[in-house]
PDB file of N, CA and C in Angstrom:
ATOM      1  N   MET A   1       3.515  28.527 -21.748  1.00  0.00           N
ATOM      2  CA  MET A   1       2.916  29.757 -20.835  1.00  0.00           C
ATOM      3  C   MET A   1       1.745  29.600 -20.219  1.00  0.00           C
ATOM      4  N   GLY A   2       1.482  29.682 -19.104  1.00  0.00           N
ATOM      5  CA  GLY A   2       0.181  29.738 -18.317  1.00  0.00           C
ATOM      6  C   GLY A   2      -0.158  30.979 -17.598  1.00  0.00           C
ATOM      7  N   ILE A   3      -1.474  31.035 -17.278  1.00  0.00           N
ATOM      8  CA  ILE A   3      -2.020  32.272 -16.489  1.00  0.00           C
ATOM      9  C   ILE A   3      -1.926  31.707 -15.004  1.00  0.00           C
ATOM     10  N   ARG A   4      -1.323  32.670 -14.335  1.00  0.00           N
ATOM     11  CA  ARG A   4      -1.227  32.357 -12.983  1.00  0.00           C
ATOM     12  C   ARG A   4      -2.320  33.126 -12.049  1.00  0.00           C
ATOM     13  N   LEU A   5      -2.925  32.402 -11.327  1.00  0.00           N
ATOM     14  CA  LEU A   5      -3.917  33.007 -10.626  1.00  0.00           C
ATOM     15  C   LEU A   5      -3.718  32.978  -9.124  1.00  0.00           C
ATOM     16  N   PRO A   6      -3.638  33.957  -8.293  1.00  0.00           N
ATOM     17  CA  PRO A   6      -3.181  34.008  -6.773  1.00  0.00           C
ATOM     18  C   PRO A   6      -4.136  33.023  -6.203  1.00  0.00           C
ATOM     19  N   GLY A   7      -3.693  32.362  -5.250  1.00  0.00           N
ATOM     20  CA  GLY A   7      -4.230  31.195  -4.435  1.00  0.00           C
ATOM     21  C   GLY A   7      -4.557  29.898  -4.981  1.00  0.00           C
ATOM     22  N   MET A   8      -3.961  29.782  -6.338  1.00  0.00           N
ATOM     23  CA  MET A   8      -4.277  28.365  -7.058  1.00  0.00           C
ATOM     24  C   MET A   8      -3.721  27.123  -6.477  1.00  0.00           C
ATOM     25  N   PRO A   9      -2.345  27.335  -6.187  1.00  0.00           N
ATOM     26  CA  PRO A   9      -1.984  26.161  -5.378  1.00  0.00           C
ATOM     27  C   PRO A   9      -2.856  25.650  -4.030  1.00  0.00           C
ATOM     28  N   HIS A  10      -3.384  26.670  -3.460  1.00  0.00           N
ATOM     29  CA  HIS A  10      -4.082  26.565  -2.191  1.00  0.00           C
ATOM     30  C   HIS A  10      -5.469  25.753  -2.607  1.00  0.00           C
ATOM     31  N   ALA A  11      -6.148  26.329  -3.803  1.00  0.00           N
ATOM     32  CA  ALA A  11      -7.361  25.915  -4.147  1.00  0.00           C
ATOM     33  C   ALA A  11      -7.188  24.451  -4.718  1.00  0.00           C
ATOM     34  N   LYS A  12      -5.980  24.116  -5.257  1.00  0.00           N
ATOM     35  CA  LYS A  12      -6.069  22.671  -5.603  1.00  0.00           C
ATOM     36  C   LYS A  12      -6.023  21.614  -4.462  1.00  0.00           C
ATOM     37  N   LYS A  13      -5.755  22.170  -3.226  1.00  0.00           N
ATOM     38  CA  LYS A  13      -5.968  21.374  -1.992  1.00  0.00           C
ATOM     39  C   LYS A  13      -7.334  21.000  -1.846  1.00  0.00           C
ATOM     40  N   PHE A  14      -8.566  21.737  -2.015  1.00  0.00           N
ATOM     41  CA  PHE A  14      -9.689  21.542  -1.873  1.00  0.00           C
ATOM     42  C   PHE A  14     -10.579  21.311  -3.246  1.00  0.00           C
ATOM     43  N   LEU A  15     -10.149  21.558  -4.311  1.00  0.00           N
ATOM     44  CA  LEU A  15     -10.755  21.421  -5.704  1.00  0.00           C
ATOM     45  C   LEU A  15      -9.811  20.630  -6.284  1.00  0.00           C
ATOM     46  N   ARG A  16     -10.578  19.326  -6.909  1.00  0.00           N
ATOM     47  CA  ARG A  16      -9.813  18.491  -7.944  1.00  0.00           C
ATOM     48  C   ARG A  16     -10.647  18.201  -8.906  1.00  0.00           C
ATOM     49  N   ARG A  17     -10.048  18.012 -10.326  1.00  0.00           N
ATOM     50  CA  ARG A  17     -10.661  17.908 -11.461  1.00  0.00           C
ATOM     51  C   ARG A  17     -10.640  16.042 -11.514  1.00  0.00           C
ATOM     52  N   SER A  18     -11.990  15.638 -11.604  1.00  0.00           N
ATOM     53  CA  SER A  18     -11.922  14.015 -11.821  1.00  0.00           C
ATOM     54  C   SER A  18     -11.605  13.548 -12.988  1.00  0.00           C
ATOM     55  N   LEU A  19     -10.878  12.601 -13.102  1.00  0.00           N
ATOM     56  CA  LEU A  19     -10.352  12.358 -14.463  1.00  0.00           C
ATOM     57  C   LEU A  19     -10.730  10.916 -14.634  1.00  0.00           C
ATOM     58  N   VAL A  20     -11.960  10.522 -14.221  1.00  0.00           N
ATOM     59  CA  VAL A  20     -12.605   9.483 -14.229  1.00  0.00           C
ATOM     60  C   VAL A  20     -13.979   9.692 -15.074  1.00  0.00           C
ATOM     61  N   SER A  21     -14.478   8.579 -15.728  1.00  0.00           N
ATOM     62  CA  SER A  21     -15.706   8.857 -16.368  1.00  0.00           C
ATOM     63  C   SER A  21     -17.053   9.393 -15.695  1.00  0.00           C
ATOM     64  N   PRO A  22     -17.668  10.052 -16.135  1.00  0.00           N
ATOM     65  CA  PRO A  22     -18.962  10.934 -15.608  1.00  0.00           C
ATOM     66  C   PRO A  22     -19.955   9.770 -14.750  1.00  0.00           C
ATOM     67  N   GLN A  23     -19.918   8.778 -15.200  1.00  0.00           N
ATOM     68  CA  GLN A  23     -20.764   7.736 -14.448  1.00  0.00           C
ATOM     69  C   GLN A  23     -20.260   7.254 -13.145  1.00  0.00           C
ATOM     70  N   SER A  24     -18.908   7.533 -12.989  1.00  0.00           N
ATOM     71  CA  SER A  24     -18.230   7.093 -11.672  1.00  0.00           C
ATOM     72  C   SER A  24     -18.736   7.930 -10.593  1.00  0.00           C
ATOM     73  N   SER A  25     -18.780   7.064  -9.260  1.00  0.00           N
ATOM     74  CA  SER A  25     -19.382   7.482  -8.351  1.00  0.00           C
ATOM     75  C   SER A  25     -18.589   7.718  -7.324  1.00  0.00           C
ATOM     76  N   ASP A  26     -17.084   8.260  -7.569  1.00  0.00           N
ATOM     77  CA  ASP A  26     -15.996   8.430  -6.634  1.00  0.00           C
ATOM     78  C   ASP A  26     -15.907   9.654  -5.995  1.00  0.00           C
ATOM     79  N   VAL A  27     -16.986  10.289  -5.717  1.00  0.00           N
ATOM     80  CA  VAL A  27     -17.280  11.455  -4.819  1.00  0.00           C
ATOM     81  C   VAL A  27     -16.837  10.991  -3.200  1.00  0.00           C
ATOM     82  N   PRO A  28     -16.058  11.859  -2.510  1.00  0.00           N
ATOM     83  CA  PRO A  28     -15.684  11.530  -1.286  1.00  0.00           C
ATOM     84  C   PRO A  28     -16.877  12.249  -0.392  1.00  0.00           C
ATOM     85  N   LYS A  29     -16.953  11.738   0.951  1.00  0.00           N
ATOM     86  CA  LYS A  29     -17.789  12.197   1.698  1.00  0.00           C
ATOM     87  C   LYS A  29     -17.755  13.887   2.028  1.00  0.00           C
ATOM     88  N   GLY A  30     -18.789  14.581   1.963  1.00  0.00           N
ATOM     89  CA  GLY A  30     -18.483  16.026   2.209  1.00  0.00           C
ATOM     90  C   GLY A  30     -18.259  16.759   0.768  1.00  0.00           C
ATOM     91  N   HIS A  31     -18.606  16.222  -0.262  1.00  0.00           N
ATOM     92  CA  HIS A  31     -17.902  16.822  -1.465  1.00  0.00           C
ATOM     93  C   HIS A  31     -19.309  16.697  -2.477  1.00  0.00           C
ATOM     94  N   PHE A  32     -19.273  17.228  -3.969  1.00  0.00           N
ATOM     95  CA  PHE A  32     -20.340  16.754  -4.760  1.00  0.00           C
ATOM     96  C   PHE A  32     -19.657  17.284  -5.885  1.00  0.00           C
ATOM     97  N   ALA A  33     -19.909  16.616  -6.849  1.00  0.00           N
ATOM     98  CA  ALA A  33     -19.362  16.660  -8.348  1.00  0.00           C
ATOM     99  C   ALA A  33     -20.386  17.664  -9.404  1.00  0.00           C
ATOM    100  N   VAL A  34     -19.710  18.589  -9.870  1.00  0.00           N
ATOM    101  CA  VAL A  34     -20.335  19.561 -10.990  1.00  0.00           C
ATOM    102  C   VAL A  34     -19.339  19.408 -12.260  1.00  0.00           C
ATOM    103  N   TYR A  35     -20.243  19.811 -13.396  1.00  0.00           N
ATOM    104  CA  TYR A  35     -19.551  19.912 -14.780  1.00  0.00           C
ATOM    105  C   TYR A  35     -19.596  21.249 -15.007  1.00  0.00           C
ATOM    106  N   VAL A  36     -18.473  21.667 -15.435  1.00  0.00           N
ATOM    107  CA  VAL A  36     -18.116  23.146 -15.820  1.00  0.00           C
ATOM    108  C   VAL A  36     -17.661  23.168 -17.311  1.00  0.00           C
ATOM    109  N   GLY A  37     -18.469  24.228 -17.853  1.00  0.00           N
ATOM    110  CA  GLY A  37     -17.995  24.677 -19.398  1.00  0.00           C
ATOM    111  C   GLY A  37     -19.180  25.221 -19.786  1.00  0.00           C
ATOM    112  N   GLU A  38     -18.844  25.987 -21.008  1.00  0.00           N
ATOM    113  CA  GLU A  38     -19.935  26.658 -21.589  1.00  0.00           C
ATOM    114  C   GLU A  38     -20.503  25.852 -22.889  1.00  0.00           C
ATOM    115  N   THR A  39     -19.836  25.252 -23.414  1.00  0.00           N
ATOM    116  CA  THR A  39     -20.494  24.241 -24.388  1.00  0.00           C
ATOM    117  C   THR A  39     -20.214  22.762 -24.179  1.00  0.00           C
ATOM    118  N   GLN A  40     -21.054  21.935 -24.607  1.00  0.00           N
ATOM    119  CA  GLN A  40     -20.956  20.549 -24.368  1.00  0.00           C
ATOM    120  C   GLN A  40     -19.493  19.799 -24.532  1.00  0.00           C
ATOM    121  N   SER A  41     -18.710  20.248 -25.597  1.00  0.00           N
ATOM    122  CA  SER A  41     -17.297  19.726 -25.874  1.00  0.00           C
ATOM    123  C   SER A  41     -16.336  20.036 -24.734  1.00  0.00           C
ATOM    124  N   GLU A  42     -16.801  21.236 -24.139  1.00  0.00           N
ATOM    125  CA  GLU A  42     -15.806  21.810 -23.192  1.00  0.00           C
ATOM    126  C   GLU A  42     -15.945  21.198 -21.647  1.00  0.00           C
ATOM    127  N   LYS A  43     -17.221  20.682 -21.367  1.00  0.00           N
ATOM    128  CA  LYS A  43     -17.550  20.305 -19.910  1.00  0.00           C
ATOM    129  C   LYS A  43     -16.476  19.368 -19.421  1.00  0.00           C
ATOM    130  N   LYS A  44     -15.873  19.592 -18.228  1.00  0.00           N
ATOM    131  CA  LYS A  44     -15.246  19.013 -17.387  1.00  0.00           C
ATOM    132  C   LYS A  44     -15.737  18.761 -15.767  1.00  0.00           C
ATOM    133  N   ARG A  45     -15.723  17.539 -15.547  1.00  0.00           N
ATOM    134  CA  ARG A  45     -16.058  17.281 -13.887  1.00  0.00           C
ATOM    135  C   ARG A  45     -15.162  17.763 -12.930  1.00  0.00           C
ATOM    136  N   TYR A  46     -15.771  18.317 -11.939  1.00  0.00           N
ATOM    137  CA  TYR A  46     -14.962  18.670 -10.704  1.00  0.00           C
ATOM    138  C   TYR A  46     -15.456  18.270  -9.434  1.00  0.00           C
ATOM    139  N   VAL A  47     -14.601  18.073  -8.639  1.00  0.00           N
ATOM    140  CA  VAL A  47     -15.429  17.406  -7.204  1.00  0.00           C
ATOM    141  C   VAL A  47     -14.926  18.773  -6.137  1.00  0.00           C
ATOM    142  N   VAL A  48     -16.201  19.220  -5.246  1.00  0.00           N
ATOM    143  CA  VAL A  48     -15.964  20.410  -4.720  1.00  0.00           C
ATOM    144  C   VAL A  48     -16.627  20.001  -3.453  1.00  0.00           C
ATOM    145  N   PRO A  49     -16.033  20.843  -2.392  1.00  0.00           N
ATOM    146  CA  PRO A  49     -16.607  20.634  -0.824  1.00  0.00           C
ATOM    147  C   PRO A  49     -17.956  21.214  -0.730  1.00  0.00           C
ATOM    148  N   ILE A  50     -18.797  20.612   0.065  1.00  0.00           N
ATOM    149  CA  ILE A  50     -20.225  21.072  -0.057  1.00  0.00           C
ATOM    150  C   ILE A  50     -20.245  22.265   0.898  1.00  0.00           C
ATOM    151  N   SER A  51     -19.143  22.863   1.607  1.00  0.00           N
ATOM    152  CA  SER A  51     -18.980  23.939   2.194  1.00  0.00           C
ATOM    153  C   SER A  51     -19.230  25.244   1.131  1.00  0.00           C
ATOM    154  N   TYR A  52     -19.074  24.950  -0.057  1.00  0.00           N
ATOM    155  CA  TYR A  52     -19.211  26.152  -1.287  1.00  0.00           C
ATOM    156  C   TYR A  52     -20.606  26.587  -1.177  1.00  0.00           C
ATOM    157  N   LEU A  53     -21.400  25.639  -0.857  1.00  0.00           N
ATOM    158  CA  LEU A  53     -22.851  25.925  -0.871  1.00  0.00           C
ATOM    159  C   LEU A  53     -23.491  27.049  -0.003  1.00  0.00           C
ATOM    160  N   ARG A  54     -22.295  27.392   1.079  1.00  0.00           N
ATOM    161  CA  ARG A  54     -22.958  28.306   1.832  1.00  0.00           C
ATOM    162  C   ARG A  54     -22.452  29.801   1.161  1.00  0.00           C
ATOM    163  N   GLN A  55     -21.730  29.866   0.302  1.00  0.00           N
ATOM    164  CA  GLN A  55     -20.937  31.072  -0.365  1.00  0.00           C
ATOM    165  C   GLN A  55     -21.982  31.742  -1.278  1.00  0.00           C
ATOM    166  N   SER A  56     -22.203  32.775  -1.124  1.00  0.00           N
ATOM    167  CA  SER A  56     -23.091  33.559  -2.093  1.00  0.00           C
ATOM    168  C   SER A  56     -22.703  33.732  -3.613  1.00  0.00           C
ATOM    169  N   SER A  57     -21.367  33.830  -3.927  1.00  0.00           N
ATOM    170  CA  SER A  57     -21.050  33.865  -5.130  1.00  0.00           C
ATOM    171  C   SER A  57     -21.141  32.461  -5.889  1.00  0.00           C
ATOM    172  N   PHE A  58     -20.972  31.212  -4.943  1.00  0.00           N
ATOM    173  CA  PHE A  58     -21.264  29.867  -5.565  1.00  0.00           C
ATOM    174  C   PHE A  58     -22.908  29.689  -5.595  1.00  0.00           C
ATOM    175  N   GLN A  59     -23.320  30.365  -4.854  1.00  0.00           N
ATOM    176  CA  GLN A  59     -24.939  30.486  -5.105  1.00  0.00           C
ATOM    177  C   GLN A  59     -25.632  31.033  -6.381  1.00  0.00           C
ATOM    178  N   ASN A  60     -24.684  32.068  -6.800  1.00  0.00           N
ATOM    179  CA  ASN A  60     -24.907  32.460  -7.999  1.00  0.00           C
ATOM    180  C   ASN A  60     -24.706  31.928  -9.099  1.00  0.00           C
ATOM    181  N   LEU A  61     -23.773  31.177  -8.917  1.00  0.00           N
ATOM    182  CA  LEU A  61     -23.467  30.286 -10.175  1.00  0.00           C
ATOM    183  C   LEU A  61     -24.670  29.175 -10.499  1.00  0.00           C
ATOM    184  N   LEU A  62     -24.975  28.613  -9.157  1.00  0.00           N
ATOM    185  CA  LEU A  62     -25.981  27.648  -9.216  1.00  0.00           C
ATOM    186  C   LEU A  62     -27.362  28.227  -9.697  1.00  0.00           C
ATOM    187  N   ASN A  63     -27.846  29.482  -9.545  1.00  0.00           N
ATOM    188  CA  ASN A  63     -28.794  30.299  -9.942  1.00  0.00           C
ATOM    189  C   ASN A  63     -28.794  30.162 -11.422  1.00  0.00           C
ATOM    190  N   GLN A  64     -27.646  30.556 -11.878  1.00  0.00           N
ATOM    191  CA  GLN A  64     -27.444  30.675 -13.273  1.00  0.00           C
ATOM    192  C   GLN A  64     -27.761  29.245 -13.975  1.00  0.00           C
ATOM    193  N   ALA A  65     -26.956  28.280 -13.386  1.00  0.00           N
ATOM    194  CA  ALA A  65     -27.285  26.970 -13.758  1.00  0.00           C
ATOM    195  C   ALA A  65     -28.797  26.516 -13.757  1.00  0.00           C
ATOM    196  N   GLU A  66     -29.732  26.931 -12.936  1.00  0.00           N
ATOM    197  CA  GLU A  66     -31.133  26.567 -12.724  1.00  0.00           C
ATOM    198  C   GLU A  66     -31.787  27.303 -13.962  1.00  0.00           C
ATOM    199  N   GLU A  67     -31.271  28.736 -14.274  1.00  0.00           N
ATOM    200  CA  GLU A  67     -32.141  29.315 -15.362  1.00  0.00           C
ATOM    201  C   GLU A  67     -31.639  28.794 -16.438  1.00  0.00           C
ATOM    202  N   GLU A  68     -30.392  28.158 -16.780  1.00  0.00           N
ATOM    203  CA  GLU A  68     -30.069  27.691 -18.106  1.00  0.00           C
ATOM    204  C   GLU A  68     -30.591  26.532 -18.516  1.00  0.00           C
ATOM    205  N   PHE A  69     -30.532  25.419 -17.248  1.00  0.00           N
ATOM    206  CA  PHE A  69     -30.838  24.166 -17.598  1.00  0.00           C
ATOM    207  C   PHE A  69     -31.820  23.435 -16.862  1.00  0.00           C
ATOM    208  N   GLY A  70     -32.344  24.343 -15.889  1.00  0.00           N
ATOM    209  CA  GLY A  70     -33.599  23.778 -15.057  1.00  0.00           C
ATOM    210  C   GLY A  70     -32.995  22.692 -14.103  1.00  0.00           C
ATOM    211  N   TYR A  71     -33.762  21.844 -13.797  1.00  0.00           N
ATOM    212  CA  TYR A  71     -33.456  20.757 -12.866  1.00  0.00           C
ATOM    213  C   TYR A  71     -33.167  19.548 -13.701  1.00  0.00           C
ATOM    214  N   ASP A  72     -33.689  19.395 -14.854  1.00  0.00           N
ATOM    215  CA  ASP A  72     -33.592  18.209 -15.610  1.00  0.00           C
ATOM    216  C   ASP A  72     -32.680  18.356 -16.611  1.00  0.00           C
ATOM    217  N   HIS A  73     -31.178  17.877 -16.412  1.00  0.00           N
ATOM    218  CA  HIS A  73     -30.319  18.150 -17.477  1.00  0.00           C
ATOM    219  C   HIS A  73     -29.749  16.671 -17.933  1.00  0.00           C
ATOM    220  N   PRO A  74     -29.568  16.564 -19.273  1.00  0.00           N
ATOM    221  CA  PRO A  74     -29.273  15.370 -19.887  1.00  0.00           C
ATOM    222  C   PRO A  74     -28.096  14.532 -19.385  1.00  0.00           C
ATOM    223  N   MET A  75     -27.052  15.573 -18.916  1.00  0.00           N
ATOM    224  CA  MET A  75     -25.727  14.833 -18.392  1.00  0.00           C
ATOM    225  C   MET A  75     -25.988  14.035 -17.008  1.00  0.00           C
ATOM    226  N   GLY A  76     -27.074  14.588 -16.266  1.00  0.00           N
ATOM    227  CA  GLY A  76     -27.415  14.000 -15.246  1.00  0.00           C
ATOM    228  C   GLY A  76     -26.696  14.191 -14.103  1.00  0.00           C
ATOM    229  N   GLY A  77     -25.863  15.629 -14.090  1.00  0.00           N
ATOM    230  CA  GLY A  77     -25.141  15.871 -12.962  1.00  0.00           C
ATOM    231  C   GLY A  77     -25.258  17.556 -12.897  1.00  0.00           C
ATOM    232  N   LEU A  78     -24.960  18.290 -11.820  1.00  0.00           N
ATOM    233  CA  LEU A  78     -24.900  19.537 -12.050  1.00  0.00           C
ATOM    234  C   LEU A  78     -24.027  20.089 -12.701  1.00  0.00           C
ATOM    235  N   THR A  79     -24.576  21.055 -13.595  1.00  0.00           N
ATOM    236  CA  THR A  79     -23.789  21.724 -14.670  1.00  0.00           C
ATOM    237  C   THR A  79     -23.676  23.207 -14.351  1.00  0.00           C
ATOM    238  N   ILE A  80     -22.586  23.719 -14.477  1.00  0.00           N
ATOM    239  CA  ILE A  80     -22.261  25.264 -14.154  1.00  0.00           C
ATOM    240  C   ILE A  80     -21.839  26.040 -15.619  1.00  0.00           C
ATOM    241  N   PRO A  81     -22.788  26.550 -15.674  1.00  0.00           N
ATOM    242  CA  PRO A  81     -22.706  27.288 -17.330  1.00  0.00           C
ATOM    243  C   PRO A  81     -21.533  28.459 -17.112  1.00  0.00           C
ATOM    244  N   CYS A  82     -20.353  28.155 -16.936  1.00  0.00           N
ATOM    245  CA  CYS A  82     -19.185  29.352 -17.086  1.00  0.00           C
ATOM    246  C   CYS A  82     -18.048  28.596 -17.708  1.00  0.00           C
ATOM    247  N   SER A  83     -17.107  29.283 -17.987  1.00  0.00           N
ATOM    248  CA  SER A  83     -15.776  28.841 -18.452  1.00  0.00           C
ATOM    249  C   SER A  83     -14.855  28.344 -17.275  1.00  0.00           C
ATOM    250  N   GLU A  84     -14.133  27.427 -17.636  1.00  0.00           N
ATOM    251  CA  GLU A  84     -13.462  26.625 -16.652  1.00  0.00           C
ATOM    252  C   GLU A  84     -12.584  27.465 -15.972  1.00  0.00           C
ATOM    253  N   GLU A  85     -12.037  28.620 -16.565  1.00  0.00           N
ATOM    254  CA  GLU A  85     -11.052  29.622 -16.018  1.00  0.00           C
ATOM    255  C   GLU A  85     -11.899  30.540 -14.870  1.00  0.00           C
ATOM    256  N   MET A  86     -13.237  30.914 -15.410  1.00  0.00           N
ATOM    257  CA  MET A  86     -13.899  31.465 -14.239  1.00  0.00           C
ATOM    258  C   MET A  86     -14.055  30.679 -13.248  1.00  0.00           C
ATOM    259  N   PHE A  87     -14.435  29.534 -13.195  1.00  0.00           N
ATOM    260  CA  PHE A  87     -14.713  28.575 -12.114  1.00  0.00           C
ATOM    261  C   PHE A  87     -13.721  28.344 -11.309  1.00  0.00           C
ATOM    262  N   LEU A  88     -12.431  27.964 -11.732  1.00  0.00           N
ATOM    263  CA  LEU A  88     -11.235  27.993 -11.047  1.00  0.00           C
ATOM    264  C   LEU A  88     -10.848  29.363 -10.181  1.00  0.00           C
ATOM    265  N   LYS A  89     -11.013  30.758 -10.795  1.00  0.00           N
ATOM    266  CA  LYS A  89     -10.617  31.775 -10.155  1.00  0.00           C
ATOM    267  C   LYS A  89     -11.759  31.846  -8.872  1.00  0.00           C
ATOM    268  N   LEU A  90     -12.977  31.641  -9.073  1.00  0.00           N
ATOM    269  CA  LEU A  90     -14.240  31.977  -8.158  1.00  0.00           C
ATOM    270  C   LEU A  90     -13.616  30.696  -6.938  1.00  0.00           C
ATOM    271  N   THR A  91     -13.530  29.575  -7.354  1.00  0.00           N
ATOM    272  CA  THR A  91     -13.172  28.364  -6.359  1.00  0.00           C
ATOM    273  C   THR A  91     -12.016  28.840  -5.450  1.00  0.00           C
ATOM    274  N   SER A  92     -10.864  29.312  -6.104  1.00  0.00           N
ATOM    275  CA  SER A  92      -9.671  29.795  -5.467  1.00  0.00           C
ATOM    276  C   SER A  92      -9.962  30.783  -4.475  1.00  0.00           C
ATOM    277  N   HIS A  93     -10.854  31.718  -4.805  1.00  0.00           N
ATOM    278  CA  HIS A  93     -11.370  32.631  -3.668  1.00  0.00           C
ATOM    279  C   HIS A  93     -11.841  31.930  -2.730  1.00  0.00           C
ATOM    280  N   LEU A  94     -12.641  30.907  -2.829  1.00  0.00           N
ATOM    281  CA  LEU A  94     -13.718  30.511  -1.919  1.00  0.00           C
ATOM    282  C   LEU A  94     -12.774  29.598  -0.916  1.00  0.00           C
ATOM    283  N   SER A  95     -11.792  29.128  -1.523  1.00  0.00           N
ATOM    284  CA  SER A  95     -11.005  28.111  -0.617  1.00  0.00           C
ATOM    285  C   SER A  95     -10.004  29.025   0.260  1.00  0.00           C
ATOM    286  N   CYS A  96      -9.736  30.264   0.184  1.00  0.00           N
ATOM    287  CA  CYS A  96      -8.848  30.961   0.788  1.00  0.00           C
ATOM    288  C   CYS A  96      -9.355  31.236   2.377  1.00  0.00           C
TER     289      CYS A  96
END
């Protein structure tokens, strides 16, 4: 049994979870990689379109990341300090 969020099938078209190693550089043109999770063991890598950078709700997440991690993060990537569920819900609304 899972949680169904409206717009999720549509969001999967624009958002994909990267199943490769964090060191991989398989980010398509027009996209960037982010790490999502509240703890180190929960971190998952997602590749998102750069168009999300224009959205105020996504910018709020980036501001939270800056406050929590600054610009020098040990994972070497952009880390979003929120649950995966919240991130997927937000991005499903952005892709609609």
